[in-house]
């Protein structure tokens, strides 16, 4: 494992789907492009593996949150492009609020421990 890989971490359940919905809110994209976008936005801290990327996209599609169609990448390669449905926009908003609330709560607990608060 390289030093760069040591900085990467696995995503908690449901977070990958949230990140994918967020990426698709910018416009339609193919899976590889979404994975690179997440990696770039996280400054390399988050790596989205194919083994988790495409199953997550398929789950979102089965739930009616995204749709897909074939298209061409910037390099001319044929690829499946995913687009956020109206239900996906609503789900993104709800999941984002829930994630921020949970993340803030976890930070409160960690800060209490780090500052010597009672356990």
C-alpha atoms as a PDB file:
ATOM      1  CA  UNK A   1       0.000   0.000   0.000  1.00  0.00           C
ATOM      2  CA  UNK A   2       1.456   3.367  -0.970  1.00  0.00           C
ATOM      3  CA  UNK A   3       1.335   6.481   1.170  1.00  0.00           C
ATOM      4  CA  UNK A   4      -1.361   7.875  -1.110  1.00  0.00           C
ATOM      5  CA  UNK A   5      -3.538   4.780  -0.638  1.00  0.00           C
ATOM      6  CA  UNK A   6      -3.127   4.947   3.135  1.00  0.00           C
ATOM      7  CA  UNK A   7      -4.998   8.273   3.091  1.00  0.00           C
ATOM      8  CA  UNK A   8      -7.979   6.686   1.352  1.00  0.00           C
ATOM      9  CA  UNK A   9     -10.793   5.185   3.319  1.00  0.00           C
ATOM     10  CA  UNK A  10     -13.810   3.019   2.702  1.00  0.00           C
ATOM     11  CA  UNK A  11     -17.112   4.811   2.597  1.00  0.00           C
ATOM     12  CA  UNK A  12     -19.777   4.040   5.197  1.00  0.00           C
ATOM     13  CA  UNK A  13     -22.894   2.329   3.791  1.00  0.00           C
ATOM     14  CA  UNK A  14     -25.072   4.671   1.747  1.00  0.00           C
ATOM     15  CA  UNK A  15     -22.440   7.385   1.366  1.00  0.00           C
ATOM     16  CA  UNK A  16     -21.341   6.255  -2.105  1.00  0.00           C
ATOM     17  CA  UNK A  17     -24.924   6.538  -3.349  1.00  0.00           C
ATOM     18  CA  UNK A  18     -25.169  10.022  -1.813  1.00  0.00           C
ATOM     19  CA  UNK A  19     -21.954  11.088  -3.567  1.00  0.00           C
ATOM     20  CA  UNK A  20     -23.153   9.660  -6.883  1.00  0.00           C
ATOM     21  CA  UNK A  21     -26.493  11.467  -6.601  1.00  0.00           C
ATOM     22  CA  UNK A  22     -24.592  14.660  -5.833  1.00  0.00           C
ATOM     23  CA  UNK A  23     -22.324  14.172  -8.834  1.00  0.00           C
ATOM     24  CA  UNK A  24     -25.291  13.571 -11.115  1.00  0.00           C
ATOM     25  CA  UNK A  25     -26.956  16.763  -9.869  1.00  0.00           C
ATOM     26  CA  UNK A  26     -24.302  18.528 -11.995  1.00  0.00           C
ATOM     27  CA  UNK A  27     -25.556  16.754 -15.132  1.00  0.00           C
ATOM     28  CA  UNK A  28     -25.475  13.336 -16.766  1.00  0.00           C
ATOM     29  CA  UNK A  29     -22.232  11.401 -16.557  1.00  0.00           C
ATOM     30  CA  UNK A  30     -20.787   7.971 -17.184  1.00  0.00           C
ATOM     31  CA  UNK A  31     -19.648   5.811 -14.293  1.00  0.00           C
ATOM     32  CA  UNK A  32     -15.911   6.260 -14.803  1.00  0.00           C
ATOM     33  CA  UNK A  33     -16.350  10.032 -14.950  1.00  0.00           C
ATOM     34  CA  UNK A  34     -18.335   9.986 -11.697  1.00  0.00           C
ATOM     35  CA  UNK A  35     -15.662   7.912  -9.975  1.00  0.00           C
ATOM     36  CA  UNK A  36     -12.915  10.324 -11.092  1.00  0.00           C
ATOM     37  CA  UNK A  37     -15.054  13.309 -10.008  1.00  0.00           C
ATOM     38  CA  UNK A  38     -15.442  11.871  -6.479  1.00  0.00           C
ATOM     39  CA  UNK A  39     -11.723  11.166  -6.314  1.00  0.00           C
ATOM     40  CA  UNK A  40     -10.886  14.679  -7.505  1.00  0.00           C
ATOM     41  CA  UNK A  41     -13.338  16.482  -5.233  1.00  0.00           C
ATOM     42  CA  UNK A  42     -12.030  14.509  -2.250  1.00  0.00           C
ATOM     43  CA  UNK A  43      -8.444  15.409  -3.195  1.00  0.00           C
ATOM     44  CA  UNK A  44      -7.699  11.728  -3.681  1.00  0.00           C
ATOM     45  CA  UNK A  45      -8.942  10.654  -0.245  1.00  0.00           C
ATOM     46  CA  UNK A  46     -11.874   8.656  -1.657  1.00  0.00           C
ATOM     47  CA  UNK A  47     -11.358   5.971  -4.270  1.00  0.00           C
ATOM     48  CA  UNK A  48     -14.462   4.554  -5.938  1.00  0.00           C
ATOM     49  CA  UNK A  49     -13.751   1.027  -7.144  1.00  0.00           C
ATOM     50  CA  UNK A  50     -15.629  -0.455 -10.111  1.00  0.00           C
ATOM     51  CA  UNK A  51     -16.797  -3.274  -7.848  1.00  0.00           C
ATOM     52  CA  UNK A  52     -18.815  -0.831  -5.766  1.00  0.00           C
ATOM     53  CA  UNK A  53     -19.497   1.908  -8.342  1.00  0.00           C
ATOM     54  CA  UNK A  54     -21.644   0.024 -10.829  1.00  0.00           C
ATOM     55  CA  UNK A  55     -23.699  -1.918  -8.271  1.00  0.00           C
ATOM     56  CA  UNK A  56     -24.458   1.427  -6.562  1.00  0.00           C
ATOM     57  CA  UNK A  57     -25.510   3.005  -9.870  1.00  0.00           C
ATOM     58  CA  UNK A  58     -27.712  -0.016 -10.624  1.00  0.00           C
ATOM     59  CA  UNK A  59     -29.345   0.221  -7.171  1.00  0.00           C
ATOM     60  CA  UNK A  60     -30.097   3.901  -7.790  1.00  0.00           C
ATOM     61  CA  UNK A  61     -31.574   3.005 -11.158  1.00  0.00           C
ATOM     62  CA  UNK A  62     -33.751   0.200  -9.716  1.00  0.00           C
ATOM     63  CA  UNK A  63     -35.051   2.686  -7.127  1.00  0.00           C
ATOM     64  CA  UNK A  64     -36.052   5.079  -9.927  1.00  0.00           C
ATOM     65  CA  UNK A  65     -33.599   7.761  -8.782  1.00  0.00           C
ATOM     66  CA  UNK A  66     -31.494   7.721 -11.949  1.00  0.00           C
ATOM     67  CA  UNK A  67     -32.006   6.641 -15.521  1.00  0.00           C
ATOM     68  CA  UNK A  68     -29.378   5.666 -18.066  1.00  0.00           C
ATOM     69  CA  UNK A  69     -28.788   5.687 -21.779  1.00  0.00           C
ATOM     70  CA  UNK A  70     -25.912   4.886 -24.084  1.00  0.00           C
ATOM     71  CA  UNK A  71     -23.723   7.677 -25.366  1.00  0.00           C
ATOM     72  CA  UNK A  72     -20.143   8.545 -26.304  1.00  0.00           C
ATOM     73  CA  UNK A  73     -17.432   9.737 -23.947  1.00  0.00           C
ATOM     74  CA  UNK A  74     -15.153  12.676 -24.719  1.00  0.00           C
ATOM     75  CA  UNK A  75     -12.725  10.181 -26.270  1.00  0.00           C
ATOM     76  CA  UNK A  76     -15.464   8.635 -28.435  1.00  0.00           C
ATOM     77  CA  UNK A  77     -15.834   5.459 -26.393  1.00  0.00           C
ATOM     78  CA  UNK A  78     -19.358   4.053 -26.025  1.00  0.00           C
ATOM     79  CA  UNK A  79     -20.525   4.244 -22.409  1.00  0.00           C
ATOM     80  CA  UNK A  80     -23.679   4.256 -20.324  1.00  0.00           C
ATOM     81  CA  UNK A  81     -24.546   7.762 -19.105  1.00  0.00           C
ATOM     82  CA  UNK A  82     -26.604   8.227 -15.952  1.00  0.00           C
ATOM     83  CA  UNK A  83     -29.027  11.098 -15.347  1.00  0.00           C
ATOM     84  CA  UNK A  84     -30.742  12.143 -12.147  1.00  0.00           C
ATOM     85  CA  UNK A  85     -34.527  11.741 -12.167  1.00  0.00           C
ATOM     86  CA  UNK A  86     -36.849  14.126 -10.268  1.00  0.00           C
ATOM     87  CA  UNK A  87     -37.088  11.519  -7.507  1.00  0.00           C
ATOM     88  CA  UNK A  88     -33.281  11.485  -7.406  1.00  0.00           C
ATOM     89  CA  UNK A  89     -33.165  15.230  -6.777  1.00  0.00           C
ATOM     90  CA  UNK A  90     -35.608  14.809  -3.886  1.00  0.00           C
ATOM     91  CA  UNK A  91     -33.640  11.850  -2.513  1.00  0.00           C
ATOM     92  CA  UNK A  92     -30.384  13.822  -2.745  1.00  0.00           C
ATOM     93  CA  UNK A  93     -31.873  16.647  -0.702  1.00  0.00           C
ATOM     94  CA  UNK A  94     -33.230  14.284   1.971  1.00  0.00           C
ATOM     95  CA  UNK A  95     -30.068  12.168   2.197  1.00  0.00           C
ATOM     96  CA  UNK A  96     -27.837  15.264   2.312  1.00  0.00           C
ATOM     97  CA  UNK A  97     -29.761  16.720   5.247  1.00  0.00           C
ATOM     98  CA  UNK A  98     -29.677  13.375   7.067  1.00  0.00           C
ATOM     99  CA  UNK A  99     -25.948  12.914   6.412  1.00  0.00           C
ATOM    100  CA  UNK A 100     -25.043  16.418   7.608  1.00  0.00           C
ATOM    101  CA  UNK A 101     -27.134  15.934  10.761  1.00  0.00           C
ATOM    102  CA  UNK A 102     -25.508  12.550  11.506  1.00  0.00           C
ATOM    103  CA  UNK A 103     -22.013  13.805  10.692  1.00  0.00           C
ATOM    104  CA  UNK A 104     -22.443  16.801  12.994  1.00  0.00           C
ATOM    105  CA  UNK A 105     -23.628  14.500  15.784  1.00  0.00           C
ATOM    106  CA  UNK A 106     -20.604  12.217  15.367  1.00  0.00           C
ATOM    107  CA  UNK A 107     -18.299  15.244  15.460  1.00  0.00           C
ATOM    108  CA  UNK A 108     -19.927  16.422  18.687  1.00  0.00           C
ATOM    109  CA  UNK A 109     -19.238  13.063  20.292  1.00  0.00           C
ATOM    110  CA  UNK A 110     -15.643  12.982  19.038  1.00  0.00           C
ATOM    111  CA  UNK A 111     -14.958  16.538  20.190  1.00  0.00           C
ATOM    112  CA  UNK A 112     -16.291  15.711  23.653  1.00  0.00           C
ATOM    113  CA  UNK A 113     -13.871  12.788  23.883  1.00  0.00           C
ATOM    114  CA  UNK A 114     -10.926  14.743  22.481  1.00  0.00           C
ATOM    115  CA  UNK A 115     -11.517  17.678  24.807  1.00  0.00           C
ATOM    116  CA  UNK A 116     -11.653  15.419  27.844  1.00  0.00           C
ATOM    117  CA  UNK A 117     -15.429  15.393  28.155  1.00  0.00           C
ATOM    118  CA  UNK A 118     -16.996  12.667  30.232  1.00  0.00           C
ATOM    119  CA  UNK A 119     -17.428   9.329  28.552  1.00  0.00           C
END
